[in-house]
Amino acid sequence: MKVRVLLDQEDGWPDTESEGLWALPLISGDYRLENTPFFAFGMSNGDEVAVSSDADGVLWVSGVVWRRGRMTVRIITSDRDDSLEGILAEFAPLGVMGEGFQQFRLLSFDLGPESDVPAAKRLLAHGAASGRWEYEEADVSDAWLAL
């Protein structure tokens, strides 16, 4: 099922007020996120979130109650010759999974314990330095920040 996250917009970005995320209901009444956010900050795939229902029955995320130790990093590329699939393929050998949003030239990456985090961060930095993309750290650990 879907839960929705209210987004903070800055200068009209993103061009939507909320994001829907797939989630699995848990016995506790919370929900476990089942995909990586494209726009929401501070949460990652696998995190457990509290929700509240509005008058229309829409489930809104009110906060993260338990983190599974995964991280979310996003790339925005403006180079039309640089395919999203190609970029995903560059990160796959590092244990980094992701998906693309073609309309925005946006990739959302899911990094976990199986990921080569130092190598992924180096590849992100190299791509940014070369002008291939910009990236944002949507939900990262202190260990990531220390690299």
Protein backbone atom coordinates (compact mmCIF):
# COMPACT_ATOMS: atom_id res chain seq x y z
CA MET A 1 0.00 0.00 0.00
CA LYS A 2 1.04 3.64 -0.26
CA VAL A 3 1.90 6.12 2.45
CA ARG A 4 2.45 9.79 1.65
CA VAL A 5 5.22 12.13 2.78
CA LEU A 6 4.64 15.89 2.83
CA LEU A 7 7.58 17.54 1.05
CA ASP A 8 9.39 20.78 1.73
CA GLN A 9 9.48 22.72 -1.52
CA GLU A 10 12.23 25.19 -2.30
CA ASP A 11 11.79 27.50 -5.29
CA GLY A 12 9.07 25.20 -6.65
CA TRP A 13 11.17 22.03 -6.36
CA PRO A 14 10.02 19.40 -6.36
CA ASP A 15 6.95 20.28 -8.35
CA THR A 16 4.72 18.19 -6.10
CA GLU A 17 3.63 18.73 -2.49
CA SER A 18 3.90 15.09 -1.45
CA GLU A 19 5.47 11.79 -2.40
CA GLY A 20 3.85 8.37 -2.28
CA LEU A 21 5.99 5.50 -1.03
CA TRP A 22 5.22 1.79 -1.03
CA ALA A 23 4.97 0.50 2.52
CA LEU A 24 4.11 -2.69 4.35
CA PRO A 25 1.77 -2.49 7.37
CA LEU A 26 3.25 -3.94 10.56
CA ILE A 27 1.55 -5.51 13.57
CA SER A 28 2.65 -2.50 15.65
CA GLY A 29 0.52 -0.18 13.51
CA ASP A 30 3.60 1.36 11.92
CA TYR A 31 4.66 0.80 8.29
CA ARG A 32 7.94 -0.36 6.75
CA LEU A 33 9.01 1.55 3.63
CA GLU A 34 9.44 -0.74 0.66
CA ASN A 35 11.11 1.62 -1.81
CA THR A 36 13.66 4.42 -1.87
CA PRO A 37 12.29 7.97 -1.82
CA PHE A 38 12.90 10.25 -4.79
CA PHE A 39 12.13 13.49 -2.98
CA ALA A 40 11.65 12.93 0.77
CA PHE A 41 14.57 13.54 3.13
CA GLY A 42 15.46 11.76 6.36
CA MET A 43 14.14 8.30 5.48
CA SER A 44 15.31 5.29 3.52
CA ASN A 45 14.09 1.98 2.19
CA GLY A 46 13.28 -0.38 5.07
CA ASP A 47 12.76 2.32 7.70
CA GLU A 48 9.70 1.94 9.90
CA VAL A 49 7.46 4.99 9.97
CA ALA A 50 4.50 6.15 12.02
CA VAL A 51 1.48 7.31 10.03
CA SER A 52 -1.79 9.10 10.62
CA SER A 53 -4.86 8.94 8.45
CA ASP A 54 -6.63 12.03 7.15
CA ALA A 55 -10.39 12.42 6.55
CA ASP A 56 -10.01 10.86 3.08
CA GLY A 57 -8.17 7.81 4.46
CA VAL A 58 -4.79 8.88 3.08
CA LEU A 59 -1.94 7.64 5.28
CA TRP A 60 0.56 10.42 6.02
CA VAL A 61 4.03 9.72 7.43
CA SER A 62 4.42 11.53 10.74
CA GLY A 63 7.95 10.35 11.50
CA VAL A 64 10.56 7.60 11.40
CA VAL A 65 10.32 5.28 14.39
CA TRP A 66 13.09 2.82 13.54
CA ARG A 67 15.94 2.94 11.02
CA ARG A 68 17.17 -0.16 9.24
CA GLY A 69 20.61 1.28 8.56
CA ARG A 70 20.12 1.99 4.88
CA MET A 71 20.94 5.30 3.22
CA THR A 72 19.46 7.35 0.39
CA VAL A 73 21.54 9.42 -2.02
CA ARG A 74 20.24 11.04 -5.20
CA ILE A 75 21.82 12.15 -8.47
CA ILE A 76 20.45 14.74 -10.86
CA THR A 77 22.11 14.74 -14.26
CA SER A 78 21.53 17.26 -17.01
CA ASP A 79 23.63 15.42 -19.61
CA ARG A 80 21.08 13.91 -22.01
CA ASP A 81 23.78 11.60 -23.42
CA ASP A 82 24.35 10.07 -19.99
CA SER A 83 21.63 7.43 -19.69
CA LEU A 84 20.08 6.79 -16.29
CA GLU A 85 20.43 3.06 -16.91
CA GLY A 86 24.13 3.52 -17.62
CA ILE A 87 24.66 5.42 -14.38
CA LEU A 88 22.76 2.75 -12.43
CA ALA A 89 25.01 0.12 -14.05
CA GLU A 90 28.13 1.99 -12.85
CA PHE A 91 26.95 1.78 -9.24
CA ALA A 92 25.59 -1.79 -9.33
CA PRO A 93 29.01 -3.51 -8.86
CA LEU A 94 29.37 -1.48 -5.65
CA GLY A 95 26.23 -3.06 -4.20
CA VAL A 96 24.24 0.13 -4.76
CA MET A 97 20.70 -0.34 -6.02
CA GLY A 98 18.55 2.41 -7.43
CA GLU A 99 15.94 3.55 -9.84
CA GLY A 100 15.52 6.45 -12.19
CA PHE A 101 12.86 9.11 -12.75
CA GLN A 102 13.40 10.05 -16.40
CA GLN A 103 11.20 13.17 -16.34
CA PHE A 104 13.56 14.85 -13.85
CA ARG A 105 16.81 13.08 -14.90
CA LEU A 106 16.87 11.92 -11.28
CA LEU A 107 18.26 8.74 -9.75
CA SER A 108 17.58 7.58 -6.22
CA PHE A 109 20.14 5.19 -4.71
CA ASP A 110 19.65 2.74 -1.87
CA LEU A 111 22.86 1.93 0.03
CA GLY A 112 23.00 -0.73 2.71
CA PRO A 113 25.41 -3.01 4.54
CA GLU A 114 26.14 -4.86 1.28
CA SER A 115 27.25 -1.63 -0.43
CA ASP A 116 30.85 -0.54 -0.85
CA VAL A 117 30.08 2.84 0.69
CA PRO A 118 33.56 4.43 0.36
CA ALA A 119 33.74 3.49 -3.34
CA ALA A 120 30.19 4.74 -3.96
CA LYS A 121 30.99 8.07 -2.31
CA ARG A 122 34.17 8.39 -4.41
CA LEU A 123 32.21 7.68 -7.60
CA LEU A 124 29.56 10.24 -6.63
CA ALA A 125 32.22 12.86 -5.91
CA HIS A 126 34.10 12.09 -9.15
CA GLY A 127 30.93 12.43 -11.23
CA ALA A 128 30.08 15.73 -9.54
CA ALA A 129 33.62 17.09 -10.00
CA SER A 130 33.57 16.18 -13.68
CA GLY A 131 30.19 17.87 -14.18
CA ARG A 132 28.27 14.68 -15.01
CA TRP A 133 25.82 15.18 -12.17
CA GLU A 134 25.00 16.84 -8.90
CA TYR A 135 24.14 14.72 -5.91
CA GLU A 136 22.37 15.16 -2.61
CA GLU A 137 22.65 13.19 0.60
CA ALA A 138 18.99 12.64 1.41
CA ASP A 139 19.49 10.27 4.35
CA VAL A 140 23.05 9.30 5.28
CA SER A 141 24.90 8.07 8.34
CA ASP A 142 27.58 9.73 10.44
CA ALA A 143 30.02 7.17 9.00
CA TRP A 144 29.15 8.38 5.47
CA LEU A 145 29.71 11.99 6.49
CA ALA A 146 33.09 11.08 8.04
CA LEU A 147 34.40 9.62 4.74
